[in-house]
Structure formats: C-alpha cells, structure tokens
Amino acid sequence: MSKKIIVAVLGAFFAVAATAGDVFTTLDADMSSAISKDEAAAMPSLAEQWKQLDTDASGDLSAEEFAVYAKSEKSAAESATMKDAPKSSSTK
C-alpha cells in the first residue's frame, strides 16, 4: 500500500473519530485503558511503529504513548496535504 493511500485512510479515520482520544478508545477493544499489540493490528501503521511507541516496554500503549503516534500521523497528513496542494499562480 502506498504512503499516500495510508495517509488518506488515516486522515479519514481521524476525521471520523474526531480526536486521538476517540481513536484510542475505539482501538482499546477490551477497555483496559491501554492498546495491546493485538488491538494495534487493526491499524497497520500503528503496529509497524510499535517498538518506537512503547517507550516503557510494557507491551501495551498508554494514552500518552498513543498521543505521540496520533500527533506524528496528523503532522504527516498535514504535510502530505500541503505538498499535494495546488500551487497558486501569480498573474501580472
């Protein structure tokens, strides 16, 4: 899957969920207040970054650890949007 498609899918997912807290709650299927590695599998880009995000090596992502991921994905989506935005033309 290309990076643009992943960014688009994540953008849509975040738009529907509205906030990182809602996404966290959605992924936390067992309502343990943490995202397990199995729960993270529902979002491949999250699962791919697991080792970097699980900073305390607990085996689960806390809301704080997930917020780091959500912020980086939001920044990536914004960068992709700006990169792909039409260039304004100056006519003089």
Protein backbone atom coordinates (compact mmCIF):
# COMPACT_ATOMS: atom_id res chain seq x y z
CA MET A 1 0.00 0.00 0.00
CA SER A 2 1.44 3.37 -0.92
CA LYS A 3 2.18 6.01 1.67
CA LYS A 4 -0.38 8.40 0.11
CA ILE A 5 -3.12 5.80 0.45
CA ILE A 6 -2.15 5.12 4.06
CA VAL A 7 -2.16 8.84 4.84
CA ALA A 8 -5.57 9.22 3.16
CA VAL A 9 -7.02 6.29 5.09
CA LEU A 10 -5.62 7.57 8.36
CA GLY A 11 -6.89 11.05 7.59
CA ALA A 12 -10.36 9.67 7.02
CA PHE A 13 -10.14 7.58 10.17
CA PHE A 14 -9.08 10.57 12.24
CA ALA A 15 -11.75 12.78 10.65
CA VAL A 16 -14.48 10.30 11.54
CA ALA A 17 -13.18 9.72 15.04
CA ALA A 18 -12.54 13.46 15.53
CA THR A 19 -9.89 13.17 18.25
CA ALA A 20 -6.98 10.94 19.19
CA GLY A 21 -8.89 10.07 22.36
CA ASP A 22 -11.77 8.67 20.31
CA VAL A 23 -9.37 6.64 18.17
CA PHE A 24 -7.64 5.34 21.29
CA THR A 25 -10.99 4.33 22.79
CA THR A 26 -12.03 2.62 19.56
CA LEU A 27 -8.79 0.63 19.36
CA ASP A 28 -8.93 -0.30 23.07
CA ALA A 29 -11.49 -3.06 22.43
CA ASP A 30 -11.11 -4.68 25.85
CA MET A 31 -11.38 -1.29 27.62
CA SER A 32 -8.17 -1.86 29.57
CA SER A 33 -7.10 1.79 29.18
CA ALA A 34 -4.21 0.60 27.01
CA ILE A 35 -3.82 -0.66 23.45
CA SER A 36 -2.40 -4.15 23.20
CA LYS A 37 -0.29 -5.31 20.29
CA ASP A 38 -3.25 -7.38 19.06
CA GLU A 39 -5.55 -4.34 19.19
CA ALA A 40 -2.93 -2.24 17.37
CA ALA A 41 -3.03 -4.71 14.47
CA ALA A 42 -6.30 -3.03 13.41
CA MET A 43 -4.16 -0.05 12.36
CA PRO A 44 -1.13 -1.33 10.42
CA SER A 45 0.86 1.91 10.62
CA LEU A 46 0.49 1.84 14.41
CA ALA A 47 1.60 -1.79 14.59
CA GLU A 48 4.62 -1.01 12.38
CA GLN A 49 5.82 1.64 14.85
CA TRP A 50 5.12 -0.43 17.96
CA LYS A 51 8.71 -0.69 19.26
CA GLN A 52 9.30 3.05 19.00
CA LEU A 53 5.96 3.96 20.58
CA ASP A 54 6.03 1.55 23.53
CA THR A 55 8.65 3.67 25.28
CA ASP A 56 8.23 1.99 28.66
CA ALA A 57 8.37 -1.51 27.09
CA SER A 58 5.20 -2.52 28.94
CA GLY A 59 3.78 -4.40 25.97
CA ASP A 60 0.82 -2.00 25.75
CA LEU A 61 0.43 1.57 24.56
CA SER A 62 -0.81 4.05 27.11
CA ALA A 63 -2.94 7.01 26.07
CA GLU A 64 0.18 9.18 26.29
CA GLU A 65 2.21 6.85 24.07
CA PHE A 66 -0.65 6.69 21.57
CA ALA A 67 -0.92 10.50 21.57
CA VAL A 68 2.68 10.67 20.27
CA TYR A 69 1.66 8.42 17.38
CA ALA A 70 -1.52 10.40 16.65
CA LYS A 71 0.38 13.69 16.64
CA SER A 72 3.03 12.36 14.25
CA GLU A 73 0.36 10.93 11.90
CA LYS A 74 -1.57 14.20 11.95
CA SER A 75 1.62 16.11 11.08
CA ALA A 76 2.37 13.66 8.26
CA ALA A 77 -1.15 14.03 6.89
CA GLU A 78 -0.93 17.83 7.02
CA SER A 79 2.46 17.77 5.29
CA ALA A 80 1.11 15.50 2.55
CA THR A 81 -1.88 17.78 2.07
CA MET A 82 0.34 20.84 1.79
CA LYS A 83 2.73 19.04 -0.57
CA ASP A 84 -0.12 17.96 -2.85
CA ALA A 85 -1.99 21.29 -2.70
CA PRO A 86 -2.22 23.15 -5.99
CA LYS A 87 0.36 25.87 -6.37
CA SER A 88 -1.06 29.34 -6.66
CA SER A 89 -0.19 31.15 -9.82
CA SER A 90 0.58 34.77 -9.89
CA THR A 91 -0.70 36.59 -12.95
CA LYS A 92 0.66 40.08 -13.52
